């Protein structure tokens, strides 16, 4: 599913059913040696997907370390993002010469827990949701959260700075299917970067709802 909302040049892989025989890369075991089983499976599954995406890019299937704030450390010249939720793990990777940053997120297609929306949204976003949720019958509150997560994942590797939920204003379009579309993340804080490129002002992404999942993806050029 994730590949349907990613542009050309971004390699993707996903796991819907977790293979019981799946083991961590030897170079990653120390990162999860004390983790509970669910954390281990999410970590192993997402990084397994990342190595499948690396192979698609013609890159060696190496261990993927963990950097600041848990950021996955991909091989030099590769950018990407990992995600996982119950029953789903995925990765999306690209060559840095083609894409500047990638951010993906997956969430269950379900309403946000009570009280969460106010802490992750701006008033204009809540105003839109108030009309859009009854009109579509979709859990667009969770879609908003999912898009904010993808925005953060695209932002952080380029800035190494925190981005709060209140630091991006996200607007959505819905296509004719009623279960997919685009989103625009307008950044509300200075976007100086560490890659020598232009400061970040906004991100554009795509979203998809299906098979009980919400998926969001950003590929920044």
C-alpha atoms as a PDB file:
ATOM      1  CA  UNK A   1       0.000   0.000   0.000  1.00  0.00           C
ATOM      2  CA  UNK A   2       2.702   2.505   0.906  1.00  0.00           C
ATOM      3  CA  UNK A   3       4.150   2.413  -2.604  1.00  0.00           C
ATOM      4  CA  UNK A   4       0.879   3.780  -3.989  1.00  0.00           C
ATOM      5  CA  UNK A   5       1.478   7.163  -2.365  1.00  0.00           C
ATOM      6  CA  UNK A   6       5.205   7.483  -3.048  1.00  0.00           C
ATOM      7  CA  UNK A   7       6.754   9.077  -6.152  1.00  0.00           C
ATOM      8  CA  UNK A   8       9.197   7.536  -8.591  1.00  0.00           C
ATOM      9  CA  UNK A   9      12.662   7.144  -7.176  1.00  0.00           C
ATOM     10  CA  UNK A  10      11.483   6.168  -3.699  1.00  0.00           C
ATOM     11  CA  UNK A  11      11.815   2.451  -2.928  1.00  0.00           C
ATOM     12  CA  UNK A  12       9.364   0.926  -0.468  1.00  0.00           C
ATOM     13  CA  UNK A  13       8.691  -2.365   1.276  1.00  0.00           C
ATOM     14  CA  UNK A  14       6.105  -3.423   3.833  1.00  0.00           C
ATOM     15  CA  UNK A  15       5.179  -6.314   6.104  1.00  0.00           C
ATOM     16  CA  UNK A  16       1.554  -7.082   6.836  1.00  0.00           C
ATOM     17  CA  UNK A  17       2.138 -10.527   8.306  1.00  0.00           C
ATOM     18  CA  UNK A  18       5.181 -10.907  10.521  1.00  0.00           C
ATOM     19  CA  UNK A  19       7.319 -13.966   9.624  1.00  0.00           C
ATOM     20  CA  UNK A  20       7.950 -15.855  12.857  1.00  0.00           C
ATOM     21  CA  UNK A  21      11.414 -16.841  11.649  1.00  0.00           C
ATOM     22  CA  UNK A  22      12.474 -13.215  11.146  1.00  0.00           C
ATOM     23  CA  UNK A  23      15.632 -12.368  13.095  1.00  0.00           C
ATOM     24  CA  UNK A  24      17.447  -9.071  13.674  1.00  0.00           C
ATOM     25  CA  UNK A  25      20.526  -8.199  11.686  1.00  0.00           C
ATOM     26  CA  UNK A  26      23.563  -9.167  13.822  1.00  0.00           C
ATOM     27  CA  UNK A  27      24.675  -5.554  13.764  1.00  0.00           C
ATOM     28  CA  UNK A  28      21.384  -4.415  15.302  1.00  0.00           C
ATOM     29  CA  UNK A  29      20.788  -6.916  18.115  1.00  0.00           C
ATOM     30  CA  UNK A  30      22.544  -4.724  20.684  1.00  0.00           C
ATOM     31  CA  UNK A  31      20.023  -1.957  20.027  1.00  0.00           C
ATOM     32  CA  UNK A  32      17.094  -4.097  21.179  1.00  0.00           C
ATOM     33  CA  UNK A  33      18.754  -6.535  23.562  1.00  0.00           C
ATOM     34  CA  UNK A  34      16.645  -5.318  26.510  1.00  0.00           C
ATOM     35  CA  UNK A  35      13.469  -4.505  24.571  1.00  0.00           C
ATOM     36  CA  UNK A  36      10.104  -6.160  25.161  1.00  0.00           C
ATOM     37  CA  UNK A  37       8.845  -8.535  22.467  1.00  0.00           C
ATOM     38  CA  UNK A  38       6.514  -6.062  20.736  1.00  0.00           C
ATOM     39  CA  UNK A  39       9.272  -3.467  20.492  1.00  0.00           C
ATOM     40  CA  UNK A  40      11.649  -6.103  19.109  1.00  0.00           C
ATOM     41  CA  UNK A  41       9.188  -7.198  16.434  1.00  0.00           C
ATOM     42  CA  UNK A  42       8.472  -3.641  15.342  1.00  0.00           C
ATOM     43  CA  UNK A  43      12.175  -2.798  15.217  1.00  0.00           C
ATOM     44  CA  UNK A  44      13.137  -5.985  13.371  1.00  0.00           C
ATOM     45  CA  UNK A  45      10.225  -5.822  10.959  1.00  0.00           C
ATOM     46  CA  UNK A  46      10.715  -2.183   9.980  1.00  0.00           C
ATOM     47  CA  UNK A  47      14.437  -2.636   9.440  1.00  0.00           C
ATOM     48  CA  UNK A  48      13.811  -5.812   7.444  1.00  0.00           C
ATOM     49  CA  UNK A  49      11.638  -3.669   5.171  1.00  0.00           C
ATOM     50  CA  UNK A  50      14.401  -1.071   4.980  1.00  0.00           C
ATOM     51  CA  UNK A  51      16.876  -3.662   3.734  1.00  0.00           C
ATOM     52  CA  UNK A  52      14.411  -4.750   1.054  1.00  0.00           C
ATOM     53  CA  UNK A  53      14.181  -1.119  -0.034  1.00  0.00           C
ATOM     54  CA  UNK A  54      17.987  -0.797   0.014  1.00  0.00           C
ATOM     55  CA  UNK A  55      18.200  -3.764  -2.354  1.00  0.00           C
ATOM     56  CA  UNK A  56      15.738  -2.054  -4.708  1.00  0.00           C
ATOM     57  CA  UNK A  57      18.075   0.950  -4.763  1.00  0.00           C
ATOM     58  CA  UNK A  58      21.068  -1.247  -5.543  1.00  0.00           C
ATOM     59  CA  UNK A  59      22.564  -0.671  -2.107  1.00  0.00           C
ATOM     60  CA  UNK A  60      24.024  -3.308   0.253  1.00  0.00           C
ATOM     61  CA  UNK A  61      21.637  -4.659   2.885  1.00  0.00           C
ATOM     62  CA  UNK A  62      23.585  -3.403   5.890  1.00  0.00           C
ATOM     63  CA  UNK A  63      22.725  -2.928   9.543  1.00  0.00           C
ATOM     64  CA  UNK A  64      20.718   0.218  10.223  1.00  0.00           C
ATOM     65  CA  UNK A  65      21.794   1.999  13.358  1.00  0.00           C
ATOM     66  CA  UNK A  66      19.950   4.448  15.562  1.00  0.00           C
ATOM     67  CA  UNK A  67      20.847   8.107  15.915  1.00  0.00           C
ATOM     68  CA  UNK A  68      19.565  11.133  17.783  1.00  0.00           C
ATOM     69  CA  UNK A  69      15.955  10.775  19.003  1.00  0.00           C
ATOM     70  CA  UNK A  70      15.881   7.276  17.509  1.00  0.00           C
ATOM     71  CA  UNK A  71      16.449   8.455  13.936  1.00  0.00           C
ATOM     72  CA  UNK A  72      17.400   5.462  11.729  1.00  0.00           C
ATOM     73  CA  UNK A  73      20.911   5.756  10.310  1.00  0.00           C
ATOM     74  CA  UNK A  74      20.905   4.748   6.660  1.00  0.00           C
ATOM     75  CA  UNK A  75      24.008   4.309   4.463  1.00  0.00           C
ATOM     76  CA  UNK A  76      25.700   7.447   3.175  1.00  0.00           C
ATOM     77  CA  UNK A  77      23.759   8.909   0.291  1.00  0.00           C
ATOM     78  CA  UNK A  78      20.450   7.320   1.310  1.00  0.00           C
ATOM     79  CA  UNK A  79      17.503   9.029   3.005  1.00  0.00           C
ATOM     80  CA  UNK A  80      14.408   7.340   4.298  1.00  0.00           C
ATOM     81  CA  UNK A  81      11.826   6.684   6.946  1.00  0.00           C
ATOM     82  CA  UNK A  82      10.411   3.745   8.899  1.00  0.00           C
ATOM     83  CA  UNK A  83       6.992   3.185  10.421  1.00  0.00           C
ATOM     84  CA  UNK A  84       5.043   0.546  12.297  1.00  0.00           C
ATOM     85  CA  UNK A  85       1.696   0.040  13.962  1.00  0.00           C
ATOM     86  CA  UNK A  86      -0.274  -3.048  14.953  1.00  0.00           C
ATOM     87  CA  UNK A  87      -0.116  -5.502  12.050  1.00  0.00           C
ATOM     88  CA  UNK A  88       1.982  -3.296   9.773  1.00  0.00           C
ATOM     89  CA  UNK A  89       5.638  -2.337   9.267  1.00  0.00           C
ATOM     90  CA  UNK A  90       7.080  -0.391   6.350  1.00  0.00           C
ATOM     91  CA  UNK A  91      10.081   1.527   5.043  1.00  0.00           C
ATOM     92  CA  UNK A  92      10.600   4.058   2.258  1.00  0.00           C
ATOM     93  CA  UNK A  93      14.115   4.960   1.079  1.00  0.00           C
ATOM     94  CA  UNK A  94      15.636   7.049  -1.695  1.00  0.00           C
ATOM     95  CA  UNK A  95      18.966   8.298  -2.945  1.00  0.00           C
ATOM     96  CA  UNK A  96      19.826  11.715  -1.545  1.00  0.00           C
ATOM     97  CA  UNK A  97      20.735  12.979  -5.020  1.00  0.00           C
ATOM     98  CA  UNK A  98      17.101  12.423  -6.064  1.00  0.00           C
ATOM     99  CA  UNK A  99      15.154  13.205  -2.898  1.00  0.00           C
ATOM    100  CA  UNK A 100      16.181  15.428  -0.018  1.00  0.00           C
ATOM    101  CA  UNK A 101      14.117  13.740   2.688  1.00  0.00           C
ATOM    102  CA  UNK A 102      11.400  11.115   3.126  1.00  0.00           C
ATOM    103  CA  UNK A 103       8.811  10.789   5.886  1.00  0.00           C
ATOM    104  CA  UNK A 104       6.155   8.087   6.221  1.00  0.00           C
ATOM    105  CA  UNK A 105       3.731   7.065   8.934  1.00  0.00           C
ATOM    106  CA  UNK A 106       1.088   4.372   9.462  1.00  0.00           C
ATOM    107  CA  UNK A 107      -1.765   4.407  11.951  1.00  0.00           C
ATOM    108  CA  UNK A 108      -4.851   2.254  12.535  1.00  0.00           C
ATOM    109  CA  UNK A 109      -7.963   3.691  10.893  1.00  0.00           C
ATOM    110  CA  UNK A 110      -9.650   4.481  14.165  1.00  0.00           C
ATOM    111  CA  UNK A 111     -10.526   7.568  16.146  1.00  0.00           C
ATOM    112  CA  UNK A 112      -7.855   9.170  18.294  1.00  0.00           C
ATOM    113  CA  UNK A 113      -8.034   8.424  22.021  1.00  0.00           C
ATOM    114  CA  UNK A 114     -10.095  10.949  23.958  1.00  0.00           C
ATOM    115  CA  UNK A 115      -8.225  14.156  24.704  1.00  0.00           C
ATOM    116  CA  UNK A 116      -5.419  13.610  22.184  1.00  0.00           C
ATOM    117  CA  UNK A 117      -6.781  15.770  19.373  1.00  0.00           C
ATOM    118  CA  UNK A 118      -6.524  19.025  21.307  1.00  0.00           C
ATOM    119  CA  UNK A 119      -2.861  18.369  22.076  1.00  0.00           C
ATOM    120  CA  UNK A 120      -1.824  17.543  18.500  1.00  0.00           C
ATOM    121  CA  UNK A 121      -3.843  20.041  16.464  1.00  0.00           C
ATOM    122  CA  UNK A 122      -4.352  23.730  15.790  1.00  0.00           C
ATOM    123  CA  UNK A 123      -7.736  25.430  15.946  1.00  0.00           C
ATOM    124  CA  UNK A 124      -8.035  25.786  12.125  1.00  0.00           C
ATOM    125  CA  UNK A 125      -7.353  22.056  11.793  1.00  0.00           C
ATOM    126  CA  UNK A 126     -10.040  21.238  14.356  1.00  0.00           C
ATOM    127  CA  UNK A 127     -12.470  23.547  12.559  1.00  0.00           C
ATOM    128  CA  UNK A 128     -11.936  21.606   9.322  1.00  0.00           C
ATOM    129  CA  UNK A 129     -12.311  18.257  11.048  1.00  0.00           C
ATOM    130  CA  UNK A 130     -15.618  19.289  12.593  1.00  0.00           C
ATOM    131  CA  UNK A 131     -17.207  19.404   9.147  1.00  0.00           C
ATOM    132  CA  UNK A 132     -15.102  16.840   7.294  1.00  0.00           C
ATOM    133  CA  UNK A 133     -15.474  13.872   9.667  1.00  0.00           C
ATOM    134  CA  UNK A 134     -19.299  13.678   9.455  1.00  0.00           C
ATOM    135  CA  UNK A 135     -19.189  14.297   5.694  1.00  0.00           C
ATOM    136  CA  UNK A 136     -16.711  11.504   4.934  1.00  0.00           C
ATOM    137  CA  UNK A 137     -17.273   8.979   7.703  1.00  0.00           C
ATOM    138  CA  UNK A 138     -13.493   8.639   7.972  1.00  0.00           C
ATOM    139  CA  UNK A 139     -11.326   8.959  11.070  1.00  0.00           C
ATOM    140  CA  UNK A 140      -9.711  12.146   9.799  1.00  0.00           C
ATOM    141  CA  UNK A 141      -8.565  13.085  13.290  1.00  0.00           C
ATOM    142  CA  UNK A 142      -6.198  10.126  13.134  1.00  0.00           C
ATOM    143  CA  UNK A 143      -5.234  11.109   9.570  1.00  0.00           C
ATOM    144  CA  UNK A 144      -4.191  14.520  10.886  1.00  0.00           C
ATOM    145  CA  UNK A 145      -2.040  12.881  13.558  1.00  0.00           C
ATOM    146  CA  UNK A 146      -0.532  10.562  10.921  1.00  0.00           C
ATOM    147  CA  UNK A 147       0.329  13.487   8.644  1.00  0.00           C
ATOM    148  CA  UNK A 148       1.941  15.346  11.538  1.00  0.00           C
ATOM    149  CA  UNK A 149       4.125  12.305  12.239  1.00  0.00           C
ATOM    150  CA  UNK A 150       5.213  12.071   8.595  1.00  0.00           C
ATOM    151  CA  UNK A 151       5.993  15.793   8.649  1.00  0.00           C
ATOM    152  CA  UNK A 152       8.227  15.376  11.692  1.00  0.00           C
ATOM    153  CA  UNK A 153      10.040  12.423  10.111  1.00  0.00           C
ATOM    154  CA  UNK A 154      10.758  14.446   6.967  1.00  0.00           C
ATOM    155  CA  UNK A 155      11.847  17.469   9.033  1.00  0.00           C
ATOM    156  CA  UNK A 156      14.131  15.999  11.677  1.00  0.00           C
ATOM    157  CA  UNK A 157      16.970  14.517   9.557  1.00  0.00           C
ATOM    158  CA  UNK A 158      17.338  17.865   7.777  1.00  0.00           C
ATOM    159  CA  UNK A 159      17.339  19.994  10.923  1.00  0.00           C
ATOM    160  CA  UNK A 160      18.131  17.773  13.920  1.00  0.00           C
ATOM    161  CA  UNK A 161      15.606  19.897  15.795  1.00  0.00           C
ATOM    162  CA  UNK A 162      12.313  19.052  17.464  1.00  0.00           C
ATOM    163  CA  UNK A 163       9.106  19.946  15.619  1.00  0.00           C
ATOM    164  CA  UNK A 164       6.043  20.152  17.819  1.00  0.00           C
ATOM    165  CA  UNK A 165       2.533  19.295  16.725  1.00  0.00           C
ATOM    166  CA  UNK A 166       1.727  23.006  16.951  1.00  0.00           C
ATOM    167  CA  UNK A 167       4.611  23.898  14.612  1.00  0.00           C
ATOM    168  CA  UNK A 168       2.946  22.739  11.384  1.00  0.00           C
ATOM    169  CA  UNK A 169      -0.477  23.640   9.974  1.00  0.00           C
ATOM    170  CA  UNK A 170      -1.780  20.822   7.776  1.00  0.00           C
ATOM    171  CA  UNK A 171      -4.503  21.079   5.162  1.00  0.00           C
ATOM    172  CA  UNK A 172      -5.955  18.226   3.125  1.00  0.00           C
ATOM    173  CA  UNK A 173      -7.574  17.459  -0.191  1.00  0.00           C
ATOM    174  CA  UNK A 174      -9.749  14.388  -0.764  1.00  0.00           C
ATOM    175  CA  UNK A 175      -9.841  12.763  -4.200  1.00  0.00           C
ATOM    176  CA  UNK A 176     -12.809  11.225  -6.001  1.00  0.00           C
ATOM    177  CA  UNK A 177     -12.367   7.854  -4.289  1.00  0.00           C
ATOM    178  CA  UNK A 178     -13.085   9.504  -0.947  1.00  0.00           C
ATOM    179  CA  UNK A 179     -10.311   7.533   0.747  1.00  0.00           C
ATOM    180  CA  UNK A 180      -7.126   9.148  -0.555  1.00  0.00           C
ATOM    181  CA  UNK A 181      -5.733  12.556  -1.352  1.00  0.00           C
ATOM    182  CA  UNK A 182      -2.973  15.029  -0.675  1.00  0.00           C
ATOM    183  CA  UNK A 183      -1.877  17.185   2.249  1.00  0.00           C
ATOM    184  CA  UNK A 184       0.176  20.344   2.673  1.00  0.00           C
ATOM    185  CA  UNK A 185       2.229  20.930   5.825  1.00  0.00           C
ATOM    186  CA  UNK A 186       2.976  24.613   6.316  1.00  0.00           C
ATOM    187  CA  UNK A 187       5.845  24.966   8.774  1.00  0.00           C
ATOM    188  CA  UNK A 188       5.332  27.653  11.409  1.00  0.00           C
ATOM    189  CA  UNK A 189       8.923  27.766  12.722  1.00  0.00           C
ATOM    190  CA  UNK A 190      12.242  28.663  11.023  1.00  0.00           C
ATOM    191  CA  UNK A 191      13.439  25.815   8.816  1.00  0.00           C
ATOM    192  CA  UNK A 192      17.209  26.194   8.564  1.00  0.00           C
ATOM    193  CA  UNK A 193      18.743  22.890   7.472  1.00  0.00           C
ATOM    194  CA  UNK A 194      22.010  21.019   7.844  1.00  0.00           C
ATOM    195  CA  UNK A 195      22.350  19.754   4.257  1.00  0.00           C
ATOM    196  CA  UNK A 196      23.338  23.012   2.561  1.00  0.00           C
ATOM    197  CA  UNK A 197      19.936  23.333   0.927  1.00  0.00           C
ATOM    198  CA  UNK A 198      17.247  25.978   1.157  1.00  0.00           C
ATOM    199  CA  UNK A 199      15.420  26.419   4.459  1.00  0.00           C
ATOM    200  CA  UNK A 200      12.276  24.369   4.845  1.00  0.00           C
ATOM    201  CA  UNK A 201       9.002  26.228   4.420  1.00  0.00           C
ATOM    202  CA  UNK A 202       6.527  23.424   3.829  1.00  0.00           C
ATOM    203  CA  UNK A 203       6.086  19.802   2.779  1.00  0.00           C
ATOM    204  CA  UNK A 204       3.600  18.258   0.381  1.00  0.00           C
ATOM    205  CA  UNK A 205       2.462  14.675   0.856  1.00  0.00           C
ATOM    206  CA  UNK A 206      -0.121  12.066  -0.021  1.00  0.00           C
ATOM    207  CA  UNK A 207      -2.418   9.928   2.101  1.00  0.00           C
ATOM    208  CA  UNK A 208      -4.376   6.727   1.714  1.00  0.00           C
ATOM    209  CA  UNK A 209      -6.898   4.847   3.848  1.00  0.00           C
ATOM    210  CA  UNK A 210      -7.559   1.152   3.273  1.00  0.00           C
ATOM    211  CA  UNK A 211      -7.464  -2.283   4.874  1.00  0.00           C
ATOM    212  CA  UNK A 212      -7.930  -0.732   8.306  1.00  0.00           C
ATOM    213  CA  UNK A 213      -4.868   1.512   7.956  1.00  0.00           C
ATOM    214  CA  UNK A 214      -4.067   5.167   7.421  1.00  0.00           C
ATOM    215  CA  UNK A 215      -0.841   5.836   5.522  1.00  0.00           C
ATOM    216  CA  UNK A 216       0.883   9.179   4.907  1.00  0.00           C
ATOM    217  CA  UNK A 217       4.010   9.892   2.886  1.00  0.00           C
ATOM    218  CA  UNK A 218       6.235  12.874   2.112  1.00  0.00           C
ATOM    219  CA  UNK A 219       9.100  12.923  -0.372  1.00  0.00           C
ATOM    220  CA  UNK A 220      10.844  16.296  -0.318  1.00  0.00           C
ATOM    221  CA  UNK A 221      12.900  17.247  -3.344  1.00  0.00           C
END
